[in-house]
Amino acid sequence: FPLREDQRLLLPDLAEQFLGMEAESEKTVELPVPEDFPEQFANKTASITITLKAVKEEELPDEDDDLAQQVNAEEFETIDDLHERVRNDLQETLQRQADEAYRLKVVDELVGLSEIEYPQVLLDREIDELIRESHGSDVRAYQAHLAQIGKTTDEFREMYRDPAYQRLSRSLVLGELTNVEGIDVTEDEIGEQVEKMLEPLGEQAESMRTMFESDRGSASIRNSLLTDKTLARLQEIASAEREEEEAE
C-alpha cells in the first residue's frame, strides 16, 4: 500500500522503519506494542517484516490558471477563482462544524436537565445498531473480531453501553422537543433536499433518484431534516436565553 511521509500506521514508530531502505528491500523489526492495545497484545513485542516495493516522488502541478481550469474549466477561469471557492468552502465547513459542536453541547445540557425513562430494549437496540455500524452484519467476522480481542459478547456489548446511552438520550430528548415545538417536515422540503443531494452526482443522479425517492429513502431524508430543524430550533432557544442573561 502507498506510504506517505508522516503517515501513522498500526504501531508507533513503524513508519520510521522504512527510512533508509532501498526499493525492493526487506527487513524485520521488533517494536513494542502500546498498553492500550487488546490485552493479548498489549505491552508485548511485535516482530514485523516489512518490504519496500518502490520509492516514488509525487510531482504537483504548478499553481496557476491552467490548474484552475483543469479542476473545472466552466467554473474557474483563474487560480484566484479557485482560491476563492476553496476559501469559501473551508469557511462553510468550519462554520458548520462549530454549529454542530455547539448544538451537541446544548443537547447534552438539555439531557442533563431531563428525566429520561425508556425500556431496556431501546438501549439494547441502540447497542446493536452501534455495533452494526462499526463492524457490519457479518456474523463470522464479528465472532472472529471477538476472538481476536479476547472479549465475550457481553463484554463487547458493555463497551458500547455508554455511547449507546448517550445517543439514545439525545434522540429521546430531541424527539420530545420536536413534539413540543410542533416541528415537521413537508413533502416540498424533502423534494428540495433530494434535488440538492442529486446535484453533485452528475450522470449517476437519475439512478440514485430511485433510491432517494423510495419509501425508505424518503423516511431517512425526512428524519435527517427533522433532526436538523429541531437542532436549529434548540440553538435559537439557547442563544435567546444566553442573550437575555447577558442583558441582565
C-alpha atoms as a PDB file:
ATOM      1  CA  PHE A   1       0.000   0.000   0.000  1.00  0.00           C
ATOM      2  CA  PRO A   2       1.193   3.598  -0.539  1.00  0.00           C
ATOM      3  CA  LEU A   3       3.023   5.114   2.438  1.00  0.00           C
ATOM      4  CA  ARG A   4       3.375   8.867   2.717  1.00  0.00           C
ATOM      5  CA  GLU A   5       5.650  10.948   4.904  1.00  0.00           C
ATOM      6  CA  ASP A   6       4.309  11.416   8.467  1.00  0.00           C
ATOM      7  CA  GLN A   7       1.619   8.783   7.867  1.00  0.00           C
ATOM      8  CA  ARG A   8       0.535   6.960  11.023  1.00  0.00           C
ATOM      9  CA  LEU A   9       0.470   3.178  10.933  1.00  0.00           C
ATOM     10  CA  LEU A  10      -0.819   0.494  13.283  1.00  0.00           C
ATOM     11  CA  LEU A  11       2.151   0.713  15.660  1.00  0.00           C
ATOM     12  CA  PRO A  12       4.020   3.855  16.742  1.00  0.00           C
ATOM     13  CA  ASP A  13       7.402   4.256  15.027  1.00  0.00           C
ATOM     14  CA  LEU A  14       6.543   1.669  12.354  1.00  0.00           C
ATOM     15  CA  ALA A  15       6.585   4.215   9.520  1.00  0.00           C
ATOM     16  CA  GLU A  16      10.048   5.414  10.559  1.00  0.00           C
ATOM     17  CA  GLN A  17      11.439   1.913   9.969  1.00  0.00           C
ATOM     18  CA  PHE A  18      11.196   2.482   6.204  1.00  0.00           C
ATOM     19  CA  LEU A  19      13.691   5.356   6.345  1.00  0.00           C
ATOM     20  CA  GLY A  20      16.982   4.466   4.689  1.00  0.00           C
ATOM     21  CA  MET A  21      15.575   1.408   2.915  1.00  0.00           C
ATOM     22  CA  GLU A  22      16.063   0.909  -0.808  1.00  0.00           C
ATOM     23  CA  ALA A  23      13.445  -0.184  -3.318  1.00  0.00           C
ATOM     24  CA  GLU A  24      12.751  -3.947  -3.390  1.00  0.00           C
ATOM     25  CA  SER A  25      14.408  -4.405   0.015  1.00  0.00           C
ATOM     26  CA  GLU A  26      13.062  -6.192   3.083  1.00  0.00           C
ATOM     27  CA  LYS A  27      13.836  -6.240   6.790  1.00  0.00           C
ATOM     28  CA  THR A  28      12.396  -7.451  10.087  1.00  0.00           C
ATOM     29  CA  VAL A  29      11.969  -5.091  13.036  1.00  0.00           C
ATOM     30  CA  GLU A  30      10.987  -5.545  16.681  1.00  0.00           C
ATOM     31  CA  LEU A  31       8.575  -2.927  18.064  1.00  0.00           C
ATOM     32  CA  PRO A  32       6.811  -2.580  21.432  1.00  0.00           C
ATOM     33  CA  VAL A  33       3.015  -2.849  21.438  1.00  0.00           C
ATOM     34  CA  PRO A  34       1.315   0.006  23.373  1.00  0.00           C
ATOM     35  CA  GLU A  35      -0.600  -0.754  26.561  1.00  0.00           C
ATOM     36  CA  ASP A  36      -3.916   0.448  25.086  1.00  0.00           C
ATOM     37  CA  PHE A  37      -3.992  -2.468  22.608  1.00  0.00           C
ATOM     38  CA  PRO A  38      -6.134  -5.583  23.279  1.00  0.00           C
ATOM     39  CA  GLU A  39      -4.973  -7.483  26.340  1.00  0.00           C
ATOM     40  CA  GLN A  40      -3.390 -10.392  24.458  1.00  0.00           C
ATOM     41  CA  PHE A  41      -1.124  -7.973  22.517  1.00  0.00           C
ATOM     42  CA  ALA A  42      -0.560  -5.055  24.927  1.00  0.00           C
ATOM     43  CA  ASN A  43       2.915  -4.460  26.387  1.00  0.00           C
ATOM     44  CA  LYS A  44       4.466  -7.176  24.241  1.00  0.00           C
ATOM     45  CA  THR A  45       6.989  -7.030  21.411  1.00  0.00           C
ATOM     46  CA  ALA A  46       5.841  -7.436  17.823  1.00  0.00           C
ATOM     47  CA  SER A  47       8.120  -8.881  15.157  1.00  0.00           C
ATOM     48  CA  ILE A  48       7.219  -7.325  11.802  1.00  0.00           C
ATOM     49  CA  THR A  49       8.667  -7.991   8.366  1.00  0.00           C
ATOM     50  CA  ILE A  50       8.377  -5.004   6.048  1.00  0.00           C
ATOM     51  CA  THR A  51       9.021  -4.847   2.309  1.00  0.00           C
ATOM     52  CA  LEU A  52       9.625  -1.627   0.376  1.00  0.00           C
ATOM     53  CA  LYS A  53       8.436  -2.151  -3.189  1.00  0.00           C
ATOM     54  CA  ALA A  54       9.362   1.243  -4.643  1.00  0.00           C
ATOM     55  CA  VAL A  55      10.235   4.832  -3.755  1.00  0.00           C
ATOM     56  CA  LYS A  56       8.371   7.498  -5.717  1.00  0.00           C
ATOM     57  CA  GLU A  57       8.246  11.279  -5.712  1.00  0.00           C
ATOM     58  CA  GLU A  58       4.910  12.998  -6.184  1.00  0.00           C
ATOM     59  CA  GLU A  59       5.077  15.862  -8.662  1.00  0.00           C
ATOM     60  CA  LEU A  60       2.473  18.533  -8.023  1.00  0.00           C
ATOM     61  CA  PRO A  61       1.248  20.776 -10.866  1.00  0.00           C
ATOM     62  CA  ASP A  62       2.052  24.484 -10.915  1.00  0.00           C
ATOM     63  CA  GLU A  63      -0.467  26.597  -9.028  1.00  0.00           C
ATOM     64  CA  ASP A  64      -1.655  28.738 -11.916  1.00  0.00           C
ATOM     65  CA  ASP A  65      -4.672  29.449 -14.116  1.00  0.00           C
ATOM     66  CA  ASP A  66      -4.130  26.211 -16.045  1.00  0.00           C
ATOM     67  CA  LEU A  67      -4.542  24.241 -12.825  1.00  0.00           C
ATOM     68  CA  ALA A  68      -7.789  26.052 -12.032  1.00  0.00           C
ATOM     69  CA  GLN A  69      -9.174  25.235 -15.476  1.00  0.00           C
ATOM     70  CA  GLN A  70      -8.117  21.597 -15.141  1.00  0.00           C
ATOM     71  CA  VAL A  71     -10.181  21.414 -11.963  1.00  0.00           C
ATOM     72  CA  ASN A  72     -13.268  22.865 -13.655  1.00  0.00           C
ATOM     73  CA  ALA A  73     -12.892  24.942 -16.802  1.00  0.00           C
ATOM     74  CA  GLU A  74     -16.549  26.016 -16.745  1.00  0.00           C
ATOM     75  CA  GLU A  75     -16.369  27.340 -13.193  1.00  0.00           C
ATOM     76  CA  PHE A  76     -12.812  28.618 -12.739  1.00  0.00           C
ATOM     77  CA  GLU A  77     -11.032  30.898 -15.204  1.00  0.00           C
ATOM     78  CA  THR A  78      -8.159  31.884 -12.919  1.00  0.00           C
ATOM     79  CA  ILE A  79      -6.341  30.492  -9.909  1.00  0.00           C
ATOM     80  CA  ASP A  80      -7.872  33.314  -7.861  1.00  0.00           C
ATOM     81  CA  ASP A  81     -11.324  31.939  -8.683  1.00  0.00           C
ATOM     82  CA  LEU A  82     -10.247  28.544  -7.373  1.00  0.00           C
ATOM     83  CA  HIS A  83      -8.712  30.100  -4.260  1.00  0.00           C
ATOM     84  CA  GLU A  84     -11.960  31.918  -3.543  1.00  0.00           C
ATOM     85  CA  ARG A  85     -14.010  28.729  -3.857  1.00  0.00           C
ATOM     86  CA  VAL A  86     -11.631  26.801  -1.582  1.00  0.00           C
ATOM     87  CA  ARG A  87     -11.695  29.653   0.936  1.00  0.00           C
ATOM     88  CA  ASN A  88     -15.492  29.819   0.927  1.00  0.00           C
ATOM     89  CA  ASP A  89     -15.845  26.040   1.197  1.00  0.00           C
ATOM     90  CA  LEU A  90     -13.421  25.982   4.118  1.00  0.00           C
ATOM     91  CA  GLN A  91     -15.261  28.790   5.898  1.00  0.00           C
ATOM     92  CA  GLU A  92     -18.583  26.987   5.409  1.00  0.00           C
ATOM     93  CA  THR A  93     -17.098  23.740   6.712  1.00  0.00           C
ATOM     94  CA  LEU A  94     -15.623  25.405   9.796  1.00  0.00           C
ATOM     95  CA  GLN A  95     -18.892  27.221  10.499  1.00  0.00           C
ATOM     96  CA  ARG A  96     -20.864  24.006  10.104  1.00  0.00           C
ATOM     97  CA  GLN A  97     -18.503  22.174  12.459  1.00  0.00           C
ATOM     98  CA  ALA A  98     -18.783  24.982  15.022  1.00  0.00           C
ATOM     99  CA  ASP A  99     -22.588  24.925  14.790  1.00  0.00           C
ATOM    100  CA  GLU A 100     -22.682  21.138  15.182  1.00  0.00           C
ATOM    101  CA  ALA A 101     -20.384  21.246  18.217  1.00  0.00           C
ATOM    102  CA  TYR A 102     -22.475  23.989  19.830  1.00  0.00           C
ATOM    103  CA  ARG A 103     -25.731  22.179  19.137  1.00  0.00           C
ATOM    104  CA  LEU A 104     -24.436  18.928  20.622  1.00  0.00           C
ATOM    105  CA  LYS A 105     -23.286  20.823  23.696  1.00  0.00           C
ATOM    106  CA  VAL A 106     -26.755  22.332  24.103  1.00  0.00           C
ATOM    107  CA  VAL A 107     -28.404  18.935  23.558  1.00  0.00           C
ATOM    108  CA  ASP A 108     -26.216  17.370  26.237  1.00  0.00           C
ATOM    109  CA  GLU A 109     -27.076  20.203  28.627  1.00  0.00           C
ATOM    110  CA  LEU A 110     -30.761  19.558  27.940  1.00  0.00           C
ATOM    111  CA  VAL A 111     -30.239  15.826  28.509  1.00  0.00           C
ATOM    112  CA  GLY A 112     -28.633  16.624  31.851  1.00  0.00           C
ATOM    113  CA  LEU A 113     -31.710  18.620  32.891  1.00  0.00           C
ATOM    114  CA  SER A 114     -34.185  15.951  31.773  1.00  0.00           C
ATOM    115  CA  GLU A 115     -35.603  12.872  33.456  1.00  0.00           C
ATOM    116  CA  ILE A 116     -35.382  10.189  30.814  1.00  0.00           C
ATOM    117  CA  GLU A 117     -37.235   6.903  31.081  1.00  0.00           C
ATOM    118  CA  TYR A 118     -37.113   4.163  28.475  1.00  0.00           C
ATOM    119  CA  PRO A 119     -37.457   0.369  28.296  1.00  0.00           C
ATOM    120  CA  GLN A 120     -34.206  -1.611  28.344  1.00  0.00           C
ATOM    121  CA  VAL A 121     -34.996  -2.957  24.890  1.00  0.00           C
ATOM    122  CA  LEU A 122     -34.396   0.512  23.383  1.00  0.00           C
ATOM    123  CA  LEU A 123     -30.883   0.652  24.810  1.00  0.00           C
ATOM    124  CA  ASP A 124     -30.200  -2.897  23.623  1.00  0.00           C
ATOM    125  CA  ARG A 125     -31.313  -1.937  20.112  1.00  0.00           C
ATOM    126  CA  GLU A 126     -29.070   1.131  20.173  1.00  0.00           C
ATOM    127  CA  ILE A 127     -26.109  -1.029  21.195  1.00  0.00           C
ATOM    128  CA  ASP A 128     -26.937  -3.428  18.349  1.00  0.00           C
ATOM    129  CA  GLU A 129     -27.064  -0.528  15.904  1.00  0.00           C
ATOM    130  CA  LEU A 130     -23.718   0.903  17.022  1.00  0.00           C
ATOM    131  CA  ILE A 131     -22.054  -2.490  16.703  1.00  0.00           C
ATOM    132  CA  ARG A 132     -23.618  -2.966  13.258  1.00  0.00           C
ATOM    133  CA  GLU A 133     -22.370   0.453  12.144  1.00  0.00           C
ATOM    134  CA  SER A 134     -18.851  -0.292  13.397  1.00  0.00           C
ATOM    135  CA  HIS A 135     -18.472  -3.935  12.363  1.00  0.00           C
ATOM    136  CA  GLY A 136     -21.142  -4.652   9.757  1.00  0.00           C
ATOM    137  CA  SER A 137     -23.581  -7.547   9.805  1.00  0.00           C
ATOM    138  CA  ASP A 138     -21.162 -10.392   9.010  1.00  0.00           C
ATOM    139  CA  VAL A 139     -21.607 -12.733  11.988  1.00  0.00           C
ATOM    140  CA  ARG A 140     -18.446 -14.722  11.272  1.00  0.00           C
ATOM    141  CA  ALA A 141     -16.319 -11.593  11.017  1.00  0.00           C
ATOM    142  CA  TYR A 142     -17.874 -10.324  14.253  1.00  0.00           C
ATOM    143  CA  GLN A 143     -17.095 -13.571  16.092  1.00  0.00           C
ATOM    144  CA  ALA A 144     -13.550 -13.542  14.704  1.00  0.00           C
ATOM    145  CA  HIS A 145     -13.098  -9.998  15.979  1.00  0.00           C
ATOM    146  CA  LEU A 146     -14.267 -11.012  19.463  1.00  0.00           C
ATOM    147  CA  ALA A 147     -11.754 -13.865  19.477  1.00  0.00           C
ATOM    148  CA  GLN A 148      -9.002 -11.536  18.299  1.00  0.00           C
ATOM    149  CA  ILE A 149      -9.532  -9.010  21.095  1.00  0.00           C
ATOM    150  CA  GLY A 150     -10.281 -11.622  23.741  1.00  0.00           C
ATOM    151  CA  LYS A 151     -13.780 -10.392  24.644  1.00  0.00           C
ATOM    152  CA  THR A 152     -17.052 -12.217  25.207  1.00  0.00           C
ATOM    153  CA  THR A 153     -20.212 -10.953  23.528  1.00  0.00           C
ATOM    154  CA  ASP A 154     -21.449  -9.445  26.804  1.00  0.00           C
ATOM    155  CA  GLU A 155     -18.101  -7.772  27.492  1.00  0.00           C
ATOM    156  CA  PHE A 156     -18.007  -6.347  23.988  1.00  0.00           C
ATOM    157  CA  ARG A 157     -21.562  -5.031  24.202  1.00  0.00           C
ATOM    158  CA  GLU A 158     -20.719  -3.390  27.517  1.00  0.00           C
ATOM    159  CA  MET A 159     -18.057  -1.338  25.716  1.00  0.00           C
ATOM    160  CA  TYR A 160     -20.850   0.243  23.663  1.00  0.00           C
ATOM    161  CA  ARG A 161     -23.255   0.872  26.537  1.00  0.00           C
ATOM    162  CA  ASP A 162     -22.177   4.450  27.339  1.00  0.00           C
ATOM    163  CA  PRO A 163     -22.107   5.745  23.731  1.00  0.00           C
ATOM    164  CA  ALA A 164     -25.417   3.960  23.069  1.00  0.00           C
ATOM    165  CA  TYR A 165     -26.971   5.583  26.134  1.00  0.00           C
ATOM    166  CA  GLN A 166     -25.672   8.985  25.034  1.00  0.00           C
ATOM    167  CA  ARG A 167     -27.111   8.641  21.535  1.00  0.00           C
ATOM    168  CA  LEU A 168     -30.423   7.248  22.784  1.00  0.00           C
ATOM    169  CA  SER A 169     -30.782  10.035  25.352  1.00  0.00           C
ATOM    170  CA  ARG A 170     -30.107  12.687  22.741  1.00  0.00           C
ATOM    171  CA  SER A 171     -32.621  11.100  20.380  1.00  0.00           C
ATOM    172  CA  LEU A 172     -35.379  10.887  23.001  1.00  0.00           C
ATOM    173  CA  VAL A 173     -34.853  14.455  24.201  1.00  0.00           C
ATOM    174  CA  LEU A 174     -34.817  15.814  20.650  1.00  0.00           C
ATOM    175  CA  GLY A 175     -37.921  13.790  19.831  1.00  0.00           C
ATOM    176  CA  GLU A 176     -39.768  15.342  22.757  1.00  0.00           C
ATOM    177  CA  LEU A 177     -38.628  18.833  21.743  1.00  0.00           C
ATOM    178  CA  THR A 178     -39.836  18.146  18.200  1.00  0.00           C
ATOM    179  CA  ASN A 179     -43.299  17.309  19.529  1.00  0.00           C
ATOM    180  CA  VAL A 180     -43.453  20.234  21.961  1.00  0.00           C
ATOM    181  CA  GLU A 181     -42.381  22.758  19.321  1.00  0.00           C
ATOM    182  CA  GLY A 182     -44.628  21.237  16.641  1.00  0.00           C
ATOM    183  CA  ILE A 183     -41.738  20.860  14.218  1.00  0.00           C
ATOM    184  CA  ASP A 184     -42.465  18.994  10.986  1.00  0.00           C
ATOM    185  CA  VAL A 185     -41.051  18.433   7.516  1.00  0.00           C
ATOM    186  CA  THR A 186     -43.101  18.988   4.354  1.00  0.00           C
ATOM    187  CA  GLU A 187     -43.017  16.944   1.163  1.00  0.00           C
ATOM    188  CA  ASP A 188     -41.666  20.008  -0.648  1.00  0.00           C
ATOM    189  CA  GLU A 189     -38.733  20.185   1.768  1.00  0.00           C
ATOM    190  CA  ILE A 190     -37.988  16.504   1.192  1.00  0.00           C
ATOM    191  CA  GLY A 191     -38.135  17.061  -2.573  1.00  0.00           C
ATOM    192  CA  GLU A 192     -35.788  20.045  -2.351  1.00  0.00           C
ATOM    193  CA  GLN A 193     -33.327  18.007  -0.292  1.00  0.00           C
ATOM    194  CA  VAL A 194     -33.427  15.180  -2.832  1.00  0.00           C
ATOM    195  CA  GLU A 195     -32.566  17.613  -5.643  1.00  0.00           C
ATOM    196  CA  LYS A 196     -29.780  19.100  -3.537  1.00  0.00           C
ATOM    197  CA  MET A 197     -28.311  15.646  -2.919  1.00  0.00           C
ATOM    198  CA  LEU A 198     -28.590  14.706  -6.600  1.00  0.00           C
ATOM    199  CA  GLU A 199     -26.979  17.889  -7.925  1.00  0.00           C
ATOM    200  CA  PRO A 200     -23.312  16.873  -7.492  1.00  0.00           C
ATOM    201  CA  LEU A 201     -23.842  13.287  -8.722  1.00  0.00           C
ATOM    202  CA  GLY A 202     -23.795  14.091 -12.437  1.00  0.00           C
ATOM    203  CA  GLU A 203     -24.610  11.091 -14.634  1.00  0.00           C
ATOM    204  CA  GLN A 204     -25.405   8.930 -11.599  1.00  0.00           C
ATOM    205  CA  ALA A 205     -28.144  11.301 -10.428  1.00  0.00           C
ATOM    206  CA  GLU A 206     -31.090   9.554 -12.061  1.00  0.00           C
ATOM    207  CA  SER A 207     -30.073   6.102 -10.868  1.00  0.00           C
ATOM    208  CA  MET A 208     -29.750   7.456  -7.312  1.00  0.00           C
ATOM    209  CA  ARG A 209     -33.079   9.288  -7.525  1.00  0.00           C
ATOM    210  CA  THR A 210     -34.967   5.993  -7.304  1.00  0.00           C
ATOM    211  CA  MET A 211     -33.237   5.172  -4.032  1.00  0.00           C
ATOM    212  CA  PHE A 212     -33.721   8.650  -2.542  1.00  0.00           C
ATOM    213  CA  GLU A 213     -37.402   8.753  -3.513  1.00  0.00           C
ATOM    214  CA  SER A 214     -38.203   5.257  -2.236  1.00  0.00           C
ATOM    215  CA  ASP A 215     -40.217   4.944   0.988  1.00  0.00           C
ATOM    216  CA  ARG A 216     -37.094   4.074   2.945  1.00  0.00           C
ATOM    217  CA  GLY A 217     -35.021   6.811   1.328  1.00  0.00           C
ATOM    218  CA  SER A 218     -37.688   9.465   1.873  1.00  0.00           C
ATOM    219  CA  ALA A 219     -38.100   8.405   5.506  1.00  0.00           C
ATOM    220  CA  SER A 220     -34.349   8.686   6.068  1.00  0.00           C
ATOM    221  CA  ILE A 221     -34.228  12.151   4.479  1.00  0.00           C
ATOM    222  CA  ARG A 222     -37.273  13.249   6.472  1.00  0.00           C
ATOM    223  CA  ASN A 223     -35.705  12.110   9.754  1.00  0.00           C
ATOM    224  CA  SER A 224     -32.459  13.881   8.895  1.00  0.00           C
ATOM    225  CA  LEU A 225     -34.267  17.136   8.059  1.00  0.00           C
ATOM    226  CA  LEU A 226     -36.414  16.834  11.176  1.00  0.00           C
ATOM    227  CA  THR A 227     -33.319  16.447  13.340  1.00  0.00           C
ATOM    228  CA  ASP A 228     -31.654  19.432  11.651  1.00  0.00           C
ATOM    229  CA  LYS A 229     -34.721  21.635  12.171  1.00  0.00           C
ATOM    230  CA  THR A 230     -35.056  20.571  15.802  1.00  0.00           C
ATOM    231  CA  LEU A 231     -31.373  21.236  16.476  1.00  0.00           C
ATOM    232  CA  ALA A 232     -31.675  24.639  14.804  1.00  0.00           C
ATOM    233  CA  ARG A 233     -34.686  25.463  16.976  1.00  0.00           C
ATOM    234  CA  LEU A 234     -32.829  24.342  20.097  1.00  0.00           C
ATOM    235  CA  GLN A 235     -29.910  26.565  19.097  1.00  0.00           C
ATOM    236  CA  GLU A 236     -32.308  29.512  18.715  1.00  0.00           C
ATOM    237  CA  ILE A 237     -33.752  28.901  22.183  1.00  0.00           C
ATOM    238  CA  ALA A 238     -30.319  28.564  23.789  1.00  0.00           C
ATOM    239  CA  SER A 239     -28.981  31.672  22.021  1.00  0.00           C
ATOM    240  CA  ALA A 240     -32.016  33.726  23.073  1.00  0.00           C
ATOM    241  CA  GLU A 241     -31.634  32.633  26.693  1.00  0.00           C
ATOM    242  CA  ARG A 242     -27.927  33.481  26.627  1.00  0.00           C
ATOM    243  CA  GLU A 243     -28.668  36.946  25.203  1.00  0.00           C
ATOM    244  CA  GLU A 244     -31.220  37.542  27.967  1.00  0.00           C
ATOM    245  CA  GLU A 245     -28.694  36.507  30.619  1.00  0.00           C
ATOM    246  CA  GLU A 246     -26.051  38.834  29.156  1.00  0.00           C
ATOM    247  CA  ALA A 247     -28.557  41.714  29.046  1.00  0.00           C
ATOM    248  CA  GLU A 248     -29.402  41.407  32.759  1.00  0.00           C
END
